[in-house]
Amino acid sequence: VGSDNWLGTEWKGTSAEKQVLQYTLDLAEQWASENQRPIFLGEFGAYGKAPLDSRVTWTSFIAREAEARNFSWSYWEFCSGFGVYDPVARQWKEDLVQALIPIR
């Protein structure tokens, strides 16, 4: 029950998957414009039990889409189930760091 139904779901970044998220972000952008309010996309992330490549693809997509709409954002957390840092290995999860803050 609960998350068991979608746990392990892979996000491939297909056009259909992207369109659903873009539509939702567009609604928020429209509301912000109509109400002259900024949007802060707080605490988004992809759970560590999902495949890493899926997490990276989704995370990068969400961050870039938020930035394209001038939304500020914050990733869910530092070093637990969604984290970008591995406290046991004492190192960053570089793929996720690059998804959030790409070096251009």
PDB file of N, CA and C in Angstrom:
ATOM      1  N   VAL A   1       0.849  -1.171   0.000  1.00  0.00           N
ATOM      2  CA  VAL A   1       0.000   0.000   0.000  1.00  0.00           C
ATOM      3  C   VAL A   1       0.900   1.241   0.000  1.00  0.00           C
ATOM      4  N   GLY A   2       0.364   2.376  -0.362  1.00  0.00           N
ATOM      5  CA  GLY A   2       1.155   3.604  -0.383  1.00  0.00           C
ATOM      6  C   GLY A   2       2.170   3.582  -1.501  1.00  0.00           C
ATOM      7  N   SER A   3       3.414   3.792  -1.147  1.00  0.00           N
ATOM      8  CA  SER A   3       4.472   3.877  -2.154  1.00  0.00           C
ATOM      9  C   SER A   3       4.825   2.538  -2.770  1.00  0.00           C
ATOM     10  N   ASP A   4       4.384   1.437  -2.188  1.00  0.00           N
ATOM     11  CA  ASP A   4       4.712   0.124  -2.743  1.00  0.00           C
ATOM     12  C   ASP A   4       4.277  -0.013  -4.195  1.00  0.00           C
ATOM     13  N   ASN A   5       3.212   0.663  -4.570  1.00  0.00           N
ATOM     14  CA  ASN A   5       2.707   0.563  -5.935  1.00  0.00           C
ATOM     15  C   ASN A   5       3.617   1.216  -6.968  1.00  0.00           C
ATOM     16  N   TRP A   6       4.384   2.207  -6.592  1.00  0.00           N
ATOM     17  CA  TRP A   6       5.246   2.899  -7.557  1.00  0.00           C
ATOM     18  C   TRP A   6       6.727   2.804  -7.216  1.00  0.00           C
ATOM     19  N   LEU A   7       7.062   2.181  -6.098  1.00  0.00           N
ATOM     20  CA  LEU A   7       8.463   2.048  -5.698  1.00  0.00           C
ATOM     21  C   LEU A   7       9.258   1.321  -6.775  1.00  0.00           C
ATOM     22  N   GLY A   8      10.367   1.902  -7.181  1.00  0.00           N
ATOM     23  CA  GLY A   8      11.201   1.325  -8.224  1.00  0.00           C
ATOM     24  C   GLY A   8      10.808   1.746  -9.632  1.00  0.00           C
ATOM     25  N   THR A   9       9.814   2.608  -9.754  1.00  0.00           N
ATOM     26  CA  THR A   9       9.397   3.085 -11.070  1.00  0.00           C
ATOM     27  C   THR A   9      10.559   3.805 -11.739  1.00  0.00           C
ATOM     28  N   GLU A  10      10.743   3.539 -13.005  1.00  0.00           N
ATOM     29  CA  GLU A  10      11.817   4.180 -13.760  1.00  0.00           C
ATOM     30  C   GLU A  10      11.249   5.336 -14.564  1.00  0.00           C
ATOM     31  N   TRP A  11      11.918   6.485 -14.498  1.00  0.00           N
ATOM     32  CA  TRP A  11      11.531   7.656 -15.280  1.00  0.00           C
ATOM     33  C   TRP A  11      12.530   7.786 -16.409  1.00  0.00           C
ATOM     34  N   LYS A  12      12.054   7.646 -17.635  1.00  0.00           N
ATOM     35  CA  LYS A  12      12.950   7.624 -18.793  1.00  0.00           C
ATOM     36  C   LYS A  12      13.058   8.953 -19.514  1.00  0.00           C
ATOM     37  N   GLY A  13      12.236   9.911 -19.120  1.00  0.00           N
ATOM     38  CA  GLY A  13      12.281  11.215 -19.770  1.00  0.00           C
ATOM     39  C   GLY A  13      11.666  11.205 -21.147  1.00  0.00           C
ATOM     40  N   THR A  14      10.646  10.387 -21.332  1.00  0.00           N
ATOM     41  CA  THR A  14       9.962  10.365 -22.628  1.00  0.00           C
ATOM     42  C   THR A  14       9.196  11.677 -22.808  1.00  0.00           C
ATOM     43  N   SER A  15       8.795  11.914 -24.018  1.00  0.00           N
ATOM     44  CA  SER A  15       8.038  13.119 -24.320  1.00  0.00           C
ATOM     45  C   SER A  15       6.757  13.173 -23.486  1.00  0.00           C
ATOM     46  N   ALA A  16       6.072  12.058 -23.372  1.00  0.00           N
ATOM     47  CA  ALA A  16       4.826  12.016 -22.601  1.00  0.00           C
ATOM     48  C   ALA A  16       5.089  12.292 -21.123  1.00  0.00           C
ATOM     49  N   GLU A  17       6.159  11.719 -20.575  1.00  0.00           N
ATOM     50  CA  GLU A  17       6.501  11.961 -19.168  1.00  0.00           C
ATOM     51  C   GLU A  17       6.825  13.436 -18.935  1.00  0.00           C
ATOM     52  N   LYS A  18       7.582  13.998 -19.836  1.00  0.00           N
ATOM     53  CA  LYS A  18       7.955  15.407 -19.704  1.00  0.00           C
ATOM     54  C   LYS A  18       6.739  16.318 -19.801  1.00  0.00           C
ATOM     55  N   GLN A  19       5.841  16.025 -20.720  1.00  0.00           N
ATOM     56  CA  GLN A  19       4.670  16.873 -20.927  1.00  0.00           C
ATOM     57  C   GLN A  19       3.800  16.966 -19.678  1.00  0.00           C
ATOM     58  N   VAL A  20       3.664  15.868 -18.958  1.00  0.00           N
ATOM     59  CA  VAL A  20       2.869  15.884 -17.728  1.00  0.00           C
ATOM     60  C   VAL A  20       3.472  16.854 -16.720  1.00  0.00           C
ATOM     61  N   LEU A  21       4.780  16.780 -16.547  1.00  0.00           N
ATOM     62  CA  LEU A  21       5.453  17.662 -15.586  1.00  0.00           C
ATOM     63  C   LEU A  21       5.456  19.110 -16.066  1.00  0.00           C
ATOM     64  N   GLN A  22       5.690  19.312 -17.343  1.00  0.00           N
ATOM     65  CA  GLN A  22       5.686  20.673 -17.881  1.00  0.00           C
ATOM     66  C   GLN A  22       4.313  21.318 -17.724  1.00  0.00           C
ATOM     67  N   TYR A  23       3.263  20.558 -17.945  1.00  0.00           N
ATOM     68  CA  TYR A  23       1.908  21.077 -17.786  1.00  0.00           C
ATOM     69  C   TYR A  23       1.697  21.558 -16.349  1.00  0.00           C
ATOM     70  N   THR A  24       2.101  20.747 -15.392  1.00  0.00           N
ATOM     71  CA  THR A  24       1.932  21.105 -13.987  1.00  0.00           C
ATOM     72  C   THR A  24       2.755  22.342 -13.630  1.00  0.00           C
ATOM     73  N   LEU A  25       3.992  22.391 -14.092  1.00  0.00           N
ATOM     74  CA  LEU A  25       4.835  23.559 -13.828  1.00  0.00           C
ATOM     75  C   LEU A  25       4.291  24.803 -14.531  1.00  0.00           C
ATOM     76  N   ASP A  26       3.727  24.616 -15.715  1.00  0.00           N
ATOM     77  CA  ASP A  26       3.108  25.739 -16.427  1.00  0.00           C
ATOM     78  C   ASP A  26       1.936  26.318 -15.638  1.00  0.00           C
ATOM     79  N   LEU A  27       1.147  25.457 -15.012  1.00  0.00           N
ATOM     80  CA  LEU A  27       0.036  25.941 -14.183  1.00  0.00           C
ATOM     81  C   LEU A  27       0.551  26.801 -13.031  1.00  0.00           C
ATOM     82  N   ALA A  28       1.620  26.352 -12.397  1.00  0.00           N
ATOM     83  CA  ALA A  28       2.207  27.125 -11.300  1.00  0.00           C
ATOM     84  C   ALA A  28       2.762  28.448 -11.814  1.00  0.00           C
ATOM     85  N   GLU A  29       3.410  28.415 -12.968  1.00  0.00           N
ATOM     86  CA  GLU A  29       3.953  29.639 -13.557  1.00  0.00           C
ATOM     87  C   GLU A  29       2.839  30.626 -13.894  1.00  0.00           C
ATOM     88  N   GLN A  30       1.744  30.136 -14.438  1.00  0.00           N
ATOM     89  CA  GLN A  30       0.611  30.991 -14.770  1.00  0.00           C
ATOM     90  C   GLN A  30       0.037  31.624 -13.502  1.00  0.00           C
ATOM     91  N   TRP A  31      -0.135  30.831 -12.462  1.00  0.00           N
ATOM     92  CA  TRP A  31      -0.654  31.350 -11.196  1.00  0.00           C
ATOM     93  C   TRP A  31       0.274  32.433 -10.652  1.00  0.00           C
ATOM     94  N   ALA A  32       1.579  32.168 -10.690  1.00  0.00           N
ATOM     95  CA  ALA A  32       2.559  33.135 -10.181  1.00  0.00           C
ATOM     96  C   ALA A  32       2.472  34.454 -10.940  1.00  0.00           C
ATOM     97  N   SER A  33       2.340  34.358 -12.245  1.00  0.00           N
ATOM     98  CA  SER A  33       2.243  35.556 -13.064  1.00  0.00           C
ATOM     99  C   SER A  33       0.965  36.331 -12.760  1.00  0.00           C
ATOM    100  N   GLU A  34      -0.152  35.626 -12.697  1.00  0.00           N
ATOM    101  CA  GLU A  34      -1.431  36.278 -12.435  1.00  0.00           C
ATOM    102  C   GLU A  34      -1.489  36.911 -11.045  1.00  0.00           C
ATOM    103  N   ASN A  35      -0.792  36.334 -10.104  1.00  0.00           N
ATOM    104  CA  ASN A  35      -0.834  36.806  -8.723  1.00  0.00           C
ATOM    105  C   ASN A  35       0.421  37.552  -8.298  1.00  0.00           C
ATOM    106  N   GLN A  36       1.312  37.770  -9.246  1.00  0.00           N
ATOM    107  CA  GLN A  36       2.569  38.480  -8.985  1.00  0.00           C
ATOM    108  C   GLN A  36       3.279  37.921  -7.758  1.00  0.00           C
ATOM    109  N   ARG A  37       3.491  36.612  -7.782  1.00  0.00           N
ATOM    110  CA  ARG A  37       4.150  35.908  -6.683  1.00  0.00           C
ATOM    111  C   ARG A  37       5.280  35.055  -7.235  1.00  0.00           C
ATOM    112  N   PRO A  38       6.379  34.972  -6.526  1.00  0.00           N
ATOM    113  CA  PRO A  38       7.451  34.068  -6.938  1.00  0.00           C
ATOM    114  C   PRO A  38       7.098  32.624  -6.559  1.00  0.00           C
ATOM    115  N   ILE A  39       7.704  31.699  -7.246  1.00  0.00           N
ATOM    116  CA  ILE A  39       7.517  30.278  -6.930  1.00  0.00           C
ATOM    117  C   ILE A  39       8.829  29.723  -6.398  1.00  0.00           C
ATOM    118  N   PHE A  40       8.727  29.019  -5.279  1.00  0.00           N
ATOM    119  CA  PHE A  40       9.846  28.274  -4.714  1.00  0.00           C
ATOM    120  C   PHE A  40       9.468  26.802  -4.778  1.00  0.00           C
ATOM    121  N   LEU A  41      10.177  26.042  -5.599  1.00  0.00           N
ATOM    122  CA  LEU A  41       9.948  24.606  -5.708  1.00  0.00           C
ATOM    123  C   LEU A  41      10.777  23.947  -4.616  1.00  0.00           C
ATOM    124  N   GLY A  42      10.145  23.722  -3.488  1.00  0.00           N
ATOM    125  CA  GLY A  42      10.864  23.237  -2.322  1.00  0.00           C
ATOM    126  C   GLY A  42      10.866  21.731  -2.209  1.00  0.00           C
ATOM    127  N   GLU A  43      11.998  21.233  -1.874  1.00  0.00           N
ATOM    128  CA  GLU A  43      12.149  19.842  -1.475  1.00  0.00           C
ATOM    129  C   GLU A  43      11.668  18.839  -2.509  1.00  0.00           C
ATOM    130  N   PHE A  44      12.141  18.958  -3.734  1.00  0.00           N
ATOM    131  CA  PHE A  44      11.864  17.925  -4.729  1.00  0.00           C
ATOM    132  C   PHE A  44      13.020  16.933  -4.717  1.00  0.00           C
ATOM    133  N   GLY A  45      12.753  15.720  -5.146  1.00  0.00           N
ATOM    134  CA  GLY A  45      13.806  14.720  -5.194  1.00  0.00           C
ATOM    135  C   GLY A  45      13.284  13.390  -5.684  1.00  0.00           C
ATOM    136  N   ALA A  46      14.188  12.466  -5.904  1.00  0.00           N
ATOM    137  CA  ALA A  46      13.849  11.109  -6.329  1.00  0.00           C
ATOM    138  C   ALA A  46      14.480  10.135  -5.339  1.00  0.00           C
ATOM    139  N   TYR A  47      13.671   9.244  -4.820  1.00  0.00           N
ATOM    140  CA  TYR A  47      14.078   8.331  -3.760  1.00  0.00           C
ATOM    141  C   TYR A  47      15.203   7.388  -4.191  1.00  0.00           C
ATOM    142  N   GLY A  48      16.094   7.099  -3.265  1.00  0.00           N
ATOM    143  CA  GLY A  48      17.272   6.288  -3.531  1.00  0.00           C
ATOM    144  C   GLY A  48      17.008   4.861  -3.955  1.00  0.00           C
ATOM    145  N   LYS A  49      15.792   4.360  -3.782  1.00  0.00           N
ATOM    146  CA  LYS A  49      15.489   2.995  -4.222  1.00  0.00           C
ATOM    147  C   LYS A  49      15.166   2.944  -5.711  1.00  0.00           C
ATOM    148  N   ALA A  50      15.012   4.095  -6.328  1.00  0.00           N
ATOM    149  CA  ALA A  50      14.807   4.148  -7.782  1.00  0.00           C
ATOM    150  C   ALA A  50      16.164   3.975  -8.457  1.00  0.00           C
ATOM    151  N   PRO A  51      16.190   3.504  -9.703  1.00  0.00           N
ATOM    152  CA  PRO A  51      17.455   3.384 -10.424  1.00  0.00           C
ATOM    153  C   PRO A  51      18.148   4.747 -10.517  1.00  0.00           C
ATOM    154  N   LEU A  52      19.469   4.775 -10.296  1.00  0.00           N
ATOM    155  CA  LEU A  52      20.210   6.036 -10.275  1.00  0.00           C
ATOM    156  C   LEU A  52      20.061   6.809 -11.578  1.00  0.00           C
ATOM    157  N   ASP A  53      20.144   6.138 -12.720  1.00  0.00           N
ATOM    158  CA  ASP A  53      20.045   6.870 -13.988  1.00  0.00           C
ATOM    159  C   ASP A  53      18.681   7.537 -14.132  1.00  0.00           C
ATOM    160  N   SER A  54      17.647   6.895 -13.647  1.00  0.00           N
ATOM    161  CA  SER A  54      16.317   7.483 -13.659  1.00  0.00           C
ATOM    162  C   SER A  54      16.253   8.688 -12.733  1.00  0.00           C
ATOM    163  N   ARG A  55      16.843   8.572 -11.559  1.00  0.00           N
ATOM    164  CA  ARG A  55      16.877   9.680 -10.603  1.00  0.00           C
ATOM    165  C   ARG A  55      17.596  10.885 -11.194  1.00  0.00           C
ATOM    166  N   VAL A  56      18.715  10.629 -11.830  1.00  0.00           N
ATOM    167  CA  VAL A  56      19.515  11.706 -12.420  1.00  0.00           C
ATOM    168  C   VAL A  56      18.741  12.396 -13.541  1.00  0.00           C
ATOM    169  N   THR A  57      18.130  11.615 -14.417  1.00  0.00           N
ATOM    170  CA  THR A  57      17.374  12.177 -15.541  1.00  0.00           C
ATOM    171  C   THR A  57      16.218  13.035 -15.039  1.00  0.00           C
ATOM    172  N   TRP A  58      15.464  12.516 -14.078  1.00  0.00           N
ATOM    173  CA  TRP A  58      14.315  13.243 -13.538  1.00  0.00           C
ATOM    174  C   TRP A  58      14.767  14.503 -12.808  1.00  0.00           C
ATOM    175  N   THR A  59      15.778  14.375 -11.968  1.00  0.00           N
ATOM    176  CA  THR A  59      16.261  15.507 -11.180  1.00  0.00           C
ATOM    177  C   THR A  59      16.745  16.637 -12.074  1.00  0.00           C
ATOM    178  N   SER A  60      17.521  16.302 -13.075  1.00  0.00           N
ATOM    179  CA  SER A  60      18.016  17.315 -14.000  1.00  0.00           C
ATOM    180  C   SER A  60      16.862  17.991 -14.731  1.00  0.00           C
ATOM    181  N   PHE A  61      15.912  17.210 -15.185  1.00  0.00           N
ATOM    182  CA  PHE A  61      14.772  17.770 -15.906  1.00  0.00           C
ATOM    183  C   PHE A  61      13.999  18.751 -15.033  1.00  0.00           C
ATOM    184  N   ILE A  62      13.688  18.359 -13.818  1.00  0.00           N
ATOM    185  CA  ILE A  62      12.911  19.217 -12.928  1.00  0.00           C
ATOM    186  C   ILE A  62      13.671  20.512 -12.615  1.00  0.00           C
ATOM    187  N   ALA A  63      14.950  20.394 -12.297  1.00  0.00           N
ATOM    188  CA  ALA A  63      15.737  21.587 -11.968  1.00  0.00           C
ATOM    189  C   ALA A  63      15.788  22.560 -13.149  1.00  0.00           C
ATOM    190  N   ARG A  64      16.034  22.041 -14.355  1.00  0.00           N
ATOM    191  CA  ARG A  64      16.128  22.922 -15.522  1.00  0.00           C
ATOM    192  C   ARG A  64      14.767  23.535 -15.863  1.00  0.00           C
ATOM    193  N   GLU A  65      13.703  22.771 -15.727  1.00  0.00           N
ATOM    194  CA  GLU A  65      12.370  23.305 -16.009  1.00  0.00           C
ATOM    195  C   GLU A  65      12.003  24.390 -15.007  1.00  0.00           C
ATOM    196  N   ALA A  66      12.355  24.188 -13.757  1.00  0.00           N
ATOM    197  CA  ALA A  66      12.095  25.216 -12.742  1.00  0.00           C
ATOM    198  C   ALA A  66      12.876  26.484 -13.081  1.00  0.00           C
ATOM    199  N   GLU A  67      14.135  26.325 -13.405  1.00  0.00           N
ATOM    200  CA  GLU A  67      14.973  27.480 -13.732  1.00  0.00           C
ATOM    201  C   GLU A  67      14.457  28.210 -14.976  1.00  0.00           C
ATOM    202  N   ALA A  68      13.968  27.473 -15.951  1.00  0.00           N
ATOM    203  CA  ALA A  68      13.439  28.093 -17.169  1.00  0.00           C
ATOM    204  C   ALA A  68      12.238  28.981 -16.866  1.00  0.00           C
ATOM    205  N   ARG A  69      11.561  28.699 -15.768  1.00  0.00           N
ATOM    206  CA  ARG A  69      10.391  29.477 -15.370  1.00  0.00           C
ATOM    207  C   ARG A  69      10.723  30.485 -14.255  1.00  0.00           C
ATOM    208  N   ASN A  70      12.009  30.622 -13.973  1.00  0.00           N
ATOM    209  CA  ASN A  70      12.481  31.517 -12.900  1.00  0.00           C
ATOM    210  C   ASN A  70      11.977  31.112 -11.522  1.00  0.00           C
ATOM    211  N   PHE A  71      11.763  29.804 -11.307  1.00  0.00           N
ATOM    212  CA  PHE A  71      11.418  29.295  -9.985  1.00  0.00           C
ATOM    213  C   PHE A  71      12.720  29.040  -9.234  1.00  0.00           C
ATOM    214  N   SER A  72      12.779  29.432  -7.996  1.00  0.00           N
ATOM    215  CA  SER A  72      13.896  28.981  -7.167  1.00  0.00           C
ATOM    216  C   SER A  72      13.565  27.561  -6.716  1.00  0.00           C
ATOM    217  N   TRP A  73      14.583  26.803  -6.307  1.00  0.00           N
ATOM    218  CA  TRP A  73      14.325  25.423  -5.922  1.00  0.00           C
ATOM    219  C   TRP A  73      15.278  24.960  -4.825  1.00  0.00           C
ATOM    220  N   SER A  74      14.907  23.872  -4.201  1.00  0.00           N
ATOM    221  CA  SER A  74      15.715  23.238  -3.170  1.00  0.00           C
ATOM    222  C   SER A  74      15.549  21.734  -3.289  1.00  0.00           C
ATOM    223  N   TYR A  75      16.653  21.020  -3.327  1.00  0.00           N
ATOM    224  CA  TYR A  75      16.580  19.555  -3.381  1.00  0.00           C
ATOM    225  C   TYR A  75      16.145  19.019  -2.026  1.00  0.00           C
ATOM    226  N   TRP A  76      15.508  17.863  -2.013  1.00  0.00           N
ATOM    227  CA  TRP A  76      14.858  17.326  -0.821  1.00  0.00           C
ATOM    228  C   TRP A  76      15.776  17.247   0.391  1.00  0.00           C
ATOM    229  N   GLU A  77      16.908  16.569   0.304  1.00  0.00           N
ATOM    230  CA  GLU A  77      17.746  16.476   1.493  1.00  0.00           C
ATOM    231  C   GLU A  77      19.175  16.089   1.135  1.00  0.00           C
ATOM    232  N   PHE A  78      20.015  16.140   2.129  1.00  0.00           N
ATOM    233  CA  PHE A  78      21.460  16.037   1.934  1.00  0.00           C
ATOM    234  C   PHE A  78      21.977  14.603   1.846  1.00  0.00           C
ATOM    235  N   CYS A  79      21.704  13.767   2.858  1.00  0.00           N
ATOM    236  CA  CYS A  79      22.385  12.468   2.867  1.00  0.00           C
ATOM    237  C   CYS A  79      21.561  11.326   3.459  1.00  0.00           C
ATOM    238  N   SER A  80      20.317  11.238   3.037  1.00  0.00           N
ATOM    239  CA  SER A  80      19.497  10.125   3.494  1.00  0.00           C
ATOM    240  C   SER A  80      18.902   9.435   2.269  1.00  0.00           C
ATOM    241  N   GLY A  81      17.625   9.135   2.268  1.00  0.00           N
ATOM    242  CA  GLY A  81      17.007   8.378   1.188  1.00  0.00           C
ATOM    243  C   GLY A  81      17.011   9.040  -0.175  1.00  0.00           C
ATOM    244  N   PHE A  82      17.055  10.356  -0.203  1.00  0.00           N
ATOM    245  CA  PHE A  82      17.058  11.098  -1.462  1.00  0.00           C
ATOM    246  C   PHE A  82      18.421  11.746  -1.724  1.00  0.00           C
ATOM    247  N   GLY A  83      19.293  11.677  -0.784  1.00  0.00           N
ATOM    248  CA  GLY A  83      20.496  12.487  -0.706  1.00  0.00           C
ATOM    249  C   GLY A  83      21.451  12.486  -1.874  1.00  0.00           C
ATOM    250  N   VAL A  84      22.214  13.571  -1.929  1.00  0.00           N
ATOM    251  CA  VAL A  84      23.260  13.736  -2.941  1.00  0.00           C
ATOM    252  C   VAL A  84      24.645  13.452  -2.357  1.00  0.00           C
ATOM    253  N   TYR A  85      24.665  13.097  -1.083  1.00  0.00           N
ATOM    254  CA  TYR A  85      25.932  12.796  -0.408  1.00  0.00           C
ATOM    255  C   TYR A  85      25.819  11.438   0.263  1.00  0.00           C
ATOM    256  N   ASP A  86      26.864  10.614   0.129  1.00  0.00           N
ATOM    257  CA  ASP A  86      26.911   9.292   0.751  1.00  0.00           C
ATOM    258  C   ASP A  86      27.712   9.416   2.046  1.00  0.00           C
ATOM    259  N   PRO A  87      27.048   9.382   3.210  1.00  0.00           N
ATOM    260  CA  PRO A  87      27.751   9.582   4.474  1.00  0.00           C
ATOM    261  C   PRO A  87      28.666   8.414   4.845  1.00  0.00           C
ATOM    262  N   VAL A  88      28.384   7.231   4.347  1.00  0.00           N
ATOM    263  CA  VAL A  88      29.230   6.076   4.639  1.00  0.00           C
ATOM    264  C   VAL A  88      30.535   6.179   3.856  1.00  0.00           C
ATOM    265  N   ALA A  89      30.420   6.439   2.561  1.00  0.00           N
ATOM    266  CA  ALA A  89      31.609   6.578   1.705  1.00  0.00           C
ATOM    267  C   ALA A  89      32.260   7.948   1.856  1.00  0.00           C
ATOM    268  N   ARG A  90      31.534   8.883   2.484  1.00  0.00           N
ATOM    269  CA  ARG A  90      32.007  10.260   2.650  1.00  0.00           C
ATOM    270  C   ARG A  90      32.366  10.904   1.314  1.00  0.00           C
ATOM    271  N   GLN A  91      31.412  10.781   0.392  1.00  0.00           N
ATOM    272  CA  GLN A  91      31.621  11.392  -0.914  1.00  0.00           C
ATOM    273  C   GLN A  91      30.294  11.771  -1.542  1.00  0.00           C
ATOM    274  N   TRP A  92      30.375  12.737  -2.442  1.00  0.00           N
ATOM    275  CA  TRP A  92      29.198  13.201  -3.172  1.00  0.00           C
ATOM    276  C   TRP A  92      28.775  12.159  -4.180  1.00  0.00           C
ATOM    277  N   LYS A  93      27.487  12.091  -4.443  1.00  0.00           N
ATOM    278  CA  LYS A  93      26.955  11.294  -5.537  1.00  0.00           C
ATOM    279  C   LYS A  93      27.005  12.198  -6.762  1.00  0.00           C
ATOM    280  N   GLU A  94      28.145  12.120  -7.452  1.00  0.00           N
ATOM    281  CA  GLU A  94      28.461  13.086  -8.508  1.00  0.00           C
ATOM    282  C   GLU A  94      27.400  13.191  -9.595  1.00  0.00           C
ATOM    283  N   ASP A  95      26.788  12.078  -9.967  1.00  0.00           N
ATOM    284  CA  ASP A  95      25.755  12.136 -11.006  1.00  0.00           C
ATOM    285  C   ASP A  95      24.589  13.035 -10.583  1.00  0.00           C
ATOM    286  N   LEU A  96      24.196  12.928  -9.312  1.00  0.00           N
ATOM    287  CA  LEU A  96      23.104  13.771  -8.821  1.00  0.00           C
ATOM    288  C   LEU A  96      23.546  15.222  -8.658  1.00  0.00           C
ATOM    289  N   VAL A  97      24.774  15.422  -8.218  1.00  0.00           N
ATOM    290  CA  VAL A  97      25.282  16.792  -8.099  1.00  0.00           C
ATOM    291  C   VAL A  97      25.271  17.462  -9.470  1.00  0.00           C
ATOM    292  N   GLN A  98      25.733  16.746 -10.495  1.00  0.00           N
ATOM    293  CA  GLN A  98      25.745  17.303 -11.853  1.00  0.00           C
ATOM    294  C   GLN A  98      24.336  17.540 -12.375  1.00  0.00           C
ATOM    295  N   ALA A  99      23.388  16.699 -11.964  1.00  0.00           N
ATOM    296  CA  ALA A  99      22.000  16.898 -12.374  1.00  0.00           C
ATOM    297  C   ALA A  99      21.440  18.180 -11.792  1.00  0.00           C
ATOM    298  N   LEU A 100      21.858  18.498 -10.576  1.00  0.00           N
ATOM    299  CA  LEU A 100      21.378  19.702  -9.914  1.00  0.00           C
ATOM    300  C   LEU A 100      22.145  20.945 -10.341  1.00  0.00           C
ATOM    301  N   ILE A 101      23.455  20.822 -10.410  1.00  0.00           N
ATOM    302  CA  ILE A 101      24.305  21.990 -10.699  1.00  0.00           C
ATOM    303  C   ILE A 101      25.299  21.587 -11.804  1.00  0.00           C
ATOM    304  N   PRO A 102      24.832  21.588 -13.027  1.00  0.00           N
ATOM    305  CA  PRO A 102      25.713  21.149 -14.116  1.00  0.00           C
ATOM    306  C   PRO A 102      26.866  22.130 -14.352  1.00  0.00           C
ATOM    307  N   ILE A 103      28.010  21.566 -14.616  1.00  0.00           N
ATOM    308  CA  ILE A 103      29.158  22.392 -14.988  1.00  0.00           C
ATOM    309  C   ILE A 103      29.038  22.653 -16.483  1.00  0.00           C
ATOM    310  N   ARG A 104      29.005  23.905 -16.825  1.00  0.00           N
ATOM    311  CA  ARG A 104      28.806  24.260 -18.240  1.00  0.00           C
ATOM    312  C   ARG A 104      30.108  24.591 -18.885  1.00  0.00           C
TER     313      ARG A 104
END
